Amino acid sequence: MAKSNTSDAKVLIRSLRSAYAATPISLKIIDLYVVYAITTAVIQVVYMGIVGSFPFNSFLSGVLSCVGTAVLAVCLRIQVNKENKEFKDLPPERAFADFVLCNLVLHLVIMNFLG
């Protein structure tokens, strides 16, 4: 039974790897940016667990900044993806401009929350 699970996992990983190989470079860069933002949020949560959360507003602002940026990057990836039929009329430049504007608003709110 364990041998079957291992072979199923290998087949799944192989199929995911081959499907991701066909992904355009621009989408892979956005994926790396999302992974970076989420990793930074996890590191902040671990640090808060070890050291403490004395300036809680600072901790909350940092984590919300990372998570918000990751969410906006996922939205950018959805809009830029050529296979997505829902946003086929939206040019990639417009999607990137929306991403930048939303990031600006997000970080202005976060800076205001800091105090």
N, C-alpha and C. Protein backbone atom coordinates (compact mmCIF):
# COMPACT_ATOMS: atom_id res chain seq x y z
N MET A 1 0.82 -1.18 0.00
CA MET A 1 0.00 0.00 0.00
C MET A 1 0.87 1.26 0.00
N ALA A 2 1.94 1.29 0.76
CA ALA A 2 2.81 2.46 0.81
C ALA A 2 3.53 2.66 -0.52
N LYS A 3 3.82 1.57 -1.21
CA LYS A 3 4.49 1.67 -2.50
C LYS A 3 3.59 2.35 -3.53
N SER A 4 2.30 2.08 -3.45
CA SER A 4 1.34 2.70 -4.36
C SER A 4 1.25 4.20 -4.11
N ASN A 5 1.24 4.59 -2.84
CA ASN A 5 1.19 6.01 -2.50
C ASN A 5 2.43 6.74 -3.00
N THR A 6 3.57 6.12 -2.88
CA THR A 6 4.82 6.73 -3.33
C THR A 6 4.82 6.90 -4.84
N SER A 7 4.38 5.88 -5.56
CA SER A 7 4.37 5.99 -7.02
C SER A 7 3.32 7.00 -7.48
N ASP A 8 2.19 7.08 -6.78
CA ASP A 8 1.18 8.08 -7.12
C ASP A 8 1.72 9.49 -6.90
N ALA A 9 2.45 9.68 -5.81
CA ALA A 9 3.02 10.99 -5.54
C ALA A 9 4.05 11.36 -6.59
N LYS A 10 4.87 10.40 -7.01
CA LYS A 10 5.86 10.67 -8.04
C LYS A 10 5.21 11.04 -9.37
N VAL A 11 4.14 10.35 -9.71
CA VAL A 11 3.42 10.66 -10.95
C VAL A 11 2.80 12.06 -10.86
N LEU A 12 2.24 12.38 -9.71
CA LEU A 12 1.64 13.70 -9.52
C LEU A 12 2.69 14.80 -9.63
N ILE A 13 3.81 14.63 -8.98
CA ILE A 13 4.88 15.63 -9.03
C ILE A 13 5.42 15.77 -10.44
N ARG A 14 5.58 14.66 -11.14
CA ARG A 14 6.07 14.71 -12.53
C ARG A 14 5.09 15.46 -13.43
N SER A 15 3.80 15.23 -13.26
CA SER A 15 2.81 15.91 -14.10
C SER A 15 2.73 17.40 -13.78
N LEU A 16 2.83 17.74 -12.50
CA LEU A 16 2.84 19.16 -12.13
C LEU A 16 4.08 19.87 -12.67
N ARG A 17 5.22 19.20 -12.61
CA ARG A 17 6.46 19.79 -13.11
C ARG A 17 6.38 20.01 -14.62
N SER A 18 5.84 19.06 -15.36
CA SER A 18 5.73 19.22 -16.81
C SER A 18 4.72 20.30 -17.18
N ALA A 19 3.65 20.42 -16.41
CA ALA A 19 2.66 21.47 -16.68
C ALA A 19 3.24 22.85 -16.36
N TYR A 20 4.02 22.94 -15.29
CA TYR A 20 4.60 24.23 -14.91
C TYR A 20 5.73 24.64 -15.84
N ALA A 21 6.33 23.68 -16.51
CA ALA A 21 7.40 24.00 -17.47
C ALA A 21 6.86 24.81 -18.65
N ALA A 22 5.58 24.65 -18.95
CA ALA A 22 4.98 25.39 -20.06
C ALA A 22 4.51 26.78 -19.65
N THR A 23 4.65 27.13 -18.40
CA THR A 23 4.23 28.44 -17.92
C THR A 23 5.20 29.51 -18.40
N PRO A 24 4.68 30.66 -18.86
CA PRO A 24 5.56 31.74 -19.31
C PRO A 24 6.44 32.28 -18.17
N ILE A 25 7.56 32.86 -18.55
CA ILE A 25 8.53 33.38 -17.58
C ILE A 25 7.92 34.48 -16.71
N SER A 26 7.10 35.34 -17.30
CA SER A 26 6.52 36.44 -16.52
C SER A 26 5.64 35.92 -15.38
N LEU A 27 4.92 34.84 -15.62
CA LEU A 27 4.10 34.26 -14.56
C LEU A 27 4.95 33.57 -13.50
N LYS A 28 6.07 32.99 -13.92
CA LYS A 28 6.98 32.37 -12.94
C LYS A 28 7.61 33.42 -12.03
N ILE A 29 7.90 34.59 -12.59
CA ILE A 29 8.46 35.69 -11.78
C ILE A 29 7.43 36.15 -10.76
N ILE A 30 6.18 36.27 -11.17
CA ILE A 30 5.13 36.66 -10.23
C ILE A 30 4.96 35.58 -9.15
N ASP A 31 5.07 34.31 -9.54
CA ASP A 31 4.99 33.23 -8.55
C ASP A 31 6.11 33.33 -7.52
N LEU A 32 7.30 33.64 -7.97
CA LEU A 32 8.43 33.80 -7.04
C LEU A 32 8.19 34.98 -6.09
N TYR A 33 7.61 36.04 -6.61
CA TYR A 33 7.30 37.21 -5.78
C TYR A 33 6.27 36.85 -4.70
N VAL A 34 5.27 36.06 -5.06
CA VAL A 34 4.25 35.63 -4.09
C VAL A 34 4.89 34.75 -3.02
N VAL A 35 5.76 33.83 -3.43
CA VAL A 35 6.44 32.96 -2.47
C VAL A 35 7.32 33.79 -1.53
N TYR A 36 8.01 34.79 -2.09
CA TYR A 36 8.84 35.68 -1.26
C TYR A 36 7.99 36.43 -0.23
N ALA A 37 6.85 36.97 -0.65
CA ALA A 37 6.00 37.73 0.27
C ALA A 37 5.45 36.84 1.38
N ILE A 38 5.00 35.66 1.04
CA ILE A 38 4.46 34.75 2.06
C ILE A 38 5.57 34.26 2.99
N THR A 39 6.76 33.99 2.44
CA THR A 39 7.89 33.58 3.28
C THR A 39 8.26 34.67 4.27
N THR A 40 8.24 35.90 3.82
CA THR A 40 8.54 37.02 4.71
C THR A 40 7.51 37.13 5.83
N ALA A 41 6.24 36.91 5.51
CA ALA A 41 5.19 36.94 6.54
C ALA A 41 5.38 35.81 7.55
N VAL A 42 5.74 34.63 7.07
CA VAL A 42 5.96 33.50 7.98
C VAL A 42 7.15 33.77 8.89
N ILE A 43 8.21 34.34 8.34
CA ILE A 43 9.38 34.67 9.15
C ILE A 43 9.01 35.68 10.23
N GLN A 44 8.18 36.66 9.90
CA GLN A 44 7.76 37.64 10.90
C GLN A 44 6.92 37.00 12.01
N VAL A 45 6.06 36.06 11.64
CA VAL A 45 5.23 35.38 12.65
C VAL A 45 6.11 34.53 13.55
N VAL A 46 7.08 33.83 12.99
CA VAL A 46 8.00 33.01 13.80
C VAL A 46 8.82 33.90 14.72
N TYR A 47 9.29 35.02 14.21
CA TYR A 47 10.06 35.96 15.04
C TYR A 47 9.20 36.48 16.19
N MET A 48 7.95 36.79 15.90
CA MET A 48 7.06 37.28 16.95
C MET A 48 6.83 36.19 17.99
N GLY A 49 6.74 34.94 17.55
CA GLY A 49 6.56 33.85 18.50
C GLY A 49 7.76 33.64 19.39
N ILE A 50 8.95 33.88 18.86
CA ILE A 50 10.18 33.68 19.64
C ILE A 50 10.47 34.88 20.54
N VAL A 51 10.44 36.07 19.97
CA VAL A 51 10.86 37.28 20.70
C VAL A 51 9.72 37.92 21.48
N GLY A 52 8.54 37.94 20.91
CA GLY A 52 7.41 38.60 21.53
C GLY A 52 6.86 39.67 20.60
N SER A 53 5.71 40.19 20.98
CA SER A 53 5.04 41.15 20.11
C SER A 53 4.84 42.47 20.82
N PHE A 54 5.92 43.05 21.34
CA PHE A 54 5.77 44.30 22.08
C PHE A 54 5.15 45.40 21.25
N PRO A 55 5.76 45.82 20.14
CA PRO A 55 5.00 46.80 19.32
C PRO A 55 4.07 46.03 18.38
N PHE A 56 2.88 45.69 18.90
CA PHE A 56 1.97 44.82 18.15
C PHE A 56 1.52 45.46 16.85
N ASN A 57 1.38 46.79 16.82
CA ASN A 57 1.00 47.46 15.58
C ASN A 57 2.05 47.25 14.50
N SER A 58 3.31 47.27 14.87
CA SER A 58 4.38 47.06 13.90
C SER A 58 4.34 45.64 13.34
N PHE A 59 4.15 44.68 14.23
CA PHE A 59 4.05 43.29 13.78
C PHE A 59 2.86 43.11 12.86
N LEU A 60 1.71 43.62 13.26
CA LEU A 60 0.51 43.47 12.46
C LEU A 60 0.65 44.17 11.11
N SER A 61 1.27 45.33 11.11
CA SER A 61 1.47 46.06 9.85
C SER A 61 2.39 45.29 8.92
N GLY A 62 3.45 44.72 9.44
CA GLY A 62 4.37 43.97 8.60
C GLY A 62 3.74 42.73 7.99
N VAL A 63 3.00 41.99 8.79
CA VAL A 63 2.36 40.78 8.29
C VAL A 63 1.26 41.13 7.29
N LEU A 64 0.45 42.12 7.59
CA LEU A 64 -0.61 42.51 6.66
C LEU A 64 -0.04 43.07 5.37
N SER A 65 1.09 43.74 5.45
CA SER A 65 1.74 44.24 4.24
C SER A 65 2.17 43.08 3.35
N CYS A 66 2.78 42.08 3.94
CA CYS A 66 3.24 40.92 3.16
C CYS A 66 2.08 40.14 2.57
N VAL A 67 1.06 39.89 3.38
CA VAL A 67 -0.09 39.12 2.90
C VAL A 67 -0.87 39.91 1.85
N GLY A 68 -1.05 41.21 2.08
CA GLY A 68 -1.75 42.04 1.11
C GLY A 68 -1.02 42.12 -0.22
N THR A 69 0.29 42.25 -0.16
CA THR A 69 1.08 42.28 -1.38
C THR A 69 1.00 40.95 -2.12
N ALA A 70 1.00 39.85 -1.39
CA ALA A 70 0.88 38.54 -2.03
C ALA A 70 -0.49 38.39 -2.70
N VAL A 71 -1.53 38.85 -2.06
CA VAL A 71 -2.87 38.76 -2.64
C VAL A 71 -2.96 39.61 -3.91
N LEU A 72 -2.39 40.81 -3.87
CA LEU A 72 -2.40 41.66 -5.06
C LEU A 72 -1.57 41.05 -6.19
N ALA A 73 -0.49 40.39 -5.85
CA ALA A 73 0.32 39.73 -6.87
C ALA A 73 -0.42 38.55 -7.49
N VAL A 74 -1.18 37.82 -6.69
CA VAL A 74 -1.99 36.73 -7.25
C VAL A 74 -3.04 37.29 -8.19
N CYS A 75 -3.64 38.41 -7.83
CA CYS A 75 -4.61 39.06 -8.73
C CYS A 75 -3.93 39.50 -10.02
N LEU A 76 -2.72 40.01 -9.93
CA LEU A 76 -1.97 40.39 -11.13
C LEU A 76 -1.71 39.16 -11.99
N ARG A 77 -1.34 38.05 -11.37
CA ARG A 77 -1.07 36.83 -12.13
C ARG A 77 -2.31 36.34 -12.86
N ILE A 78 -3.46 36.44 -12.21
CA ILE A 78 -4.71 36.02 -12.84
C ILE A 78 -5.02 36.91 -14.04
N GLN A 79 -4.78 38.21 -13.91
CA GLN A 79 -5.10 39.13 -14.99
C GLN A 79 -4.12 39.04 -16.15
N VAL A 80 -2.87 38.71 -15.89
CA VAL A 80 -1.85 38.68 -16.93
C VAL A 80 -1.85 37.35 -17.67
N ASN A 81 -2.38 36.30 -17.06
CA ASN A 81 -2.37 34.97 -17.67
C ASN A 81 -3.15 34.98 -18.98
N LYS A 82 -2.51 34.55 -20.05
CA LYS A 82 -3.14 34.55 -21.37
C LYS A 82 -4.24 33.49 -21.49
N GLU A 83 -4.16 32.44 -20.71
CA GLU A 83 -5.15 31.37 -20.78
C GLU A 83 -6.46 31.73 -20.08
N ASN A 84 -6.47 32.80 -19.31
CA ASN A 84 -7.66 33.23 -18.61
C ASN A 84 -8.55 34.01 -19.57
N LYS A 85 -9.70 33.47 -19.86
CA LYS A 85 -10.62 34.09 -20.84
C LYS A 85 -11.35 35.29 -20.26
N GLU A 86 -11.42 35.37 -18.96
CA GLU A 86 -12.17 36.45 -18.33
C GLU A 86 -11.52 37.81 -18.51
N PHE A 87 -10.19 37.85 -18.57
CA PHE A 87 -9.47 39.12 -18.69
C PHE A 87 -8.75 39.22 -20.03
N LYS A 88 -9.28 38.63 -21.07
CA LYS A 88 -8.59 38.62 -22.36
C LYS A 88 -8.52 40.01 -22.99
N ASP A 89 -9.48 40.89 -22.69
CA ASP A 89 -9.47 42.25 -23.26
C ASP A 89 -8.62 43.22 -22.47
N LEU A 90 -8.14 42.81 -21.31
CA LEU A 90 -7.35 43.68 -20.44
C LEU A 90 -5.88 43.60 -20.82
N PRO A 91 -5.28 44.72 -21.23
CA PRO A 91 -3.85 44.66 -21.57
C PRO A 91 -2.99 44.47 -20.32
N PRO A 92 -1.84 43.80 -20.45
CA PRO A 92 -0.99 43.56 -19.28
C PRO A 92 -0.49 44.85 -18.63
N GLU A 93 -0.32 45.89 -19.41
CA GLU A 93 0.13 47.17 -18.85
C GLU A 93 -0.91 47.75 -17.89
N ARG A 94 -2.18 47.60 -18.25
CA ARG A 94 -3.26 48.07 -17.39
C ARG A 94 -3.30 47.26 -16.10
N ALA A 95 -3.13 45.95 -16.21
CA ALA A 95 -3.13 45.09 -15.02
C ALA A 95 -1.98 45.46 -14.09
N PHE A 96 -0.80 45.75 -14.67
CA PHE A 96 0.34 46.14 -13.84
C PHE A 96 0.11 47.50 -13.20
N ALA A 97 -0.51 48.43 -13.93
CA ALA A 97 -0.82 49.74 -13.35
C ALA A 97 -1.80 49.61 -12.19
N ASP A 98 -2.79 48.74 -12.34
CA ASP A 98 -3.71 48.48 -11.23
C ASP A 98 -2.98 47.90 -10.03
N PHE A 99 -2.05 46.99 -10.28
CA PHE A 99 -1.25 46.38 -9.22
C PHE A 99 -0.45 47.43 -8.47
N VAL A 100 0.19 48.32 -9.20
CA VAL A 100 1.01 49.36 -8.57
C VAL A 100 0.14 50.32 -7.77
N LEU A 101 -0.98 50.73 -8.33
CA LEU A 101 -1.87 51.66 -7.64
C LEU A 101 -2.44 51.03 -6.36
N CYS A 102 -2.87 49.78 -6.45
CA CYS A 102 -3.41 49.10 -5.26
C CYS A 102 -2.33 48.89 -4.20
N ASN A 103 -1.10 48.61 -4.62
CA ASN A 103 0.00 48.49 -3.66
C ASN A 103 0.28 49.83 -2.98
N LEU A 104 0.19 50.90 -3.73
CA LEU A 104 0.40 52.23 -3.16
C LEU A 104 -0.66 52.52 -2.09
N VAL A 105 -1.92 52.24 -2.40
CA VAL A 105 -3.00 52.47 -1.44
C VAL A 105 -2.82 51.56 -0.22
N LEU A 106 -2.49 50.29 -0.45
CA LEU A 106 -2.29 49.35 0.66
C LEU A 106 -1.20 49.85 1.60
N HIS A 107 -0.08 50.27 1.05
CA HIS A 107 1.03 50.68 1.91
C HIS A 107 0.79 52.04 2.55
N LEU A 108 0.00 52.90 1.94
CA LEU A 108 -0.38 54.15 2.62
C LEU A 108 -1.26 53.85 3.83
N VAL A 109 -2.18 52.91 3.70
CA VAL A 109 -3.02 52.51 4.84
C VAL A 109 -2.17 51.87 5.92
N ILE A 110 -1.22 51.04 5.53
CA ILE A 110 -0.36 50.38 6.52
C ILE A 110 0.53 51.40 7.24
N MET A 111 1.04 52.37 6.51
CA MET A 111 1.86 53.40 7.16
C MET A 111 1.01 54.23 8.14
N ASN A 112 -0.25 54.46 7.79
CA ASN A 112 -1.15 55.17 8.69
C ASN A 112 -1.45 54.33 9.93
N PHE A 113 -1.54 53.02 9.76
CA PHE A 113 -1.80 52.13 10.90
C PHE A 113 -0.62 52.08 11.86
N LEU A 114 0.57 52.26 11.34
CA LEU A 114 1.76 52.23 12.20
C LEU A 114 1.71 53.35 13.24
N GLY A 115 1.17 54.47 12.85
CA GLY A 115 1.04 55.56 13.82
C GLY A 115 1.86 56.73 13.52
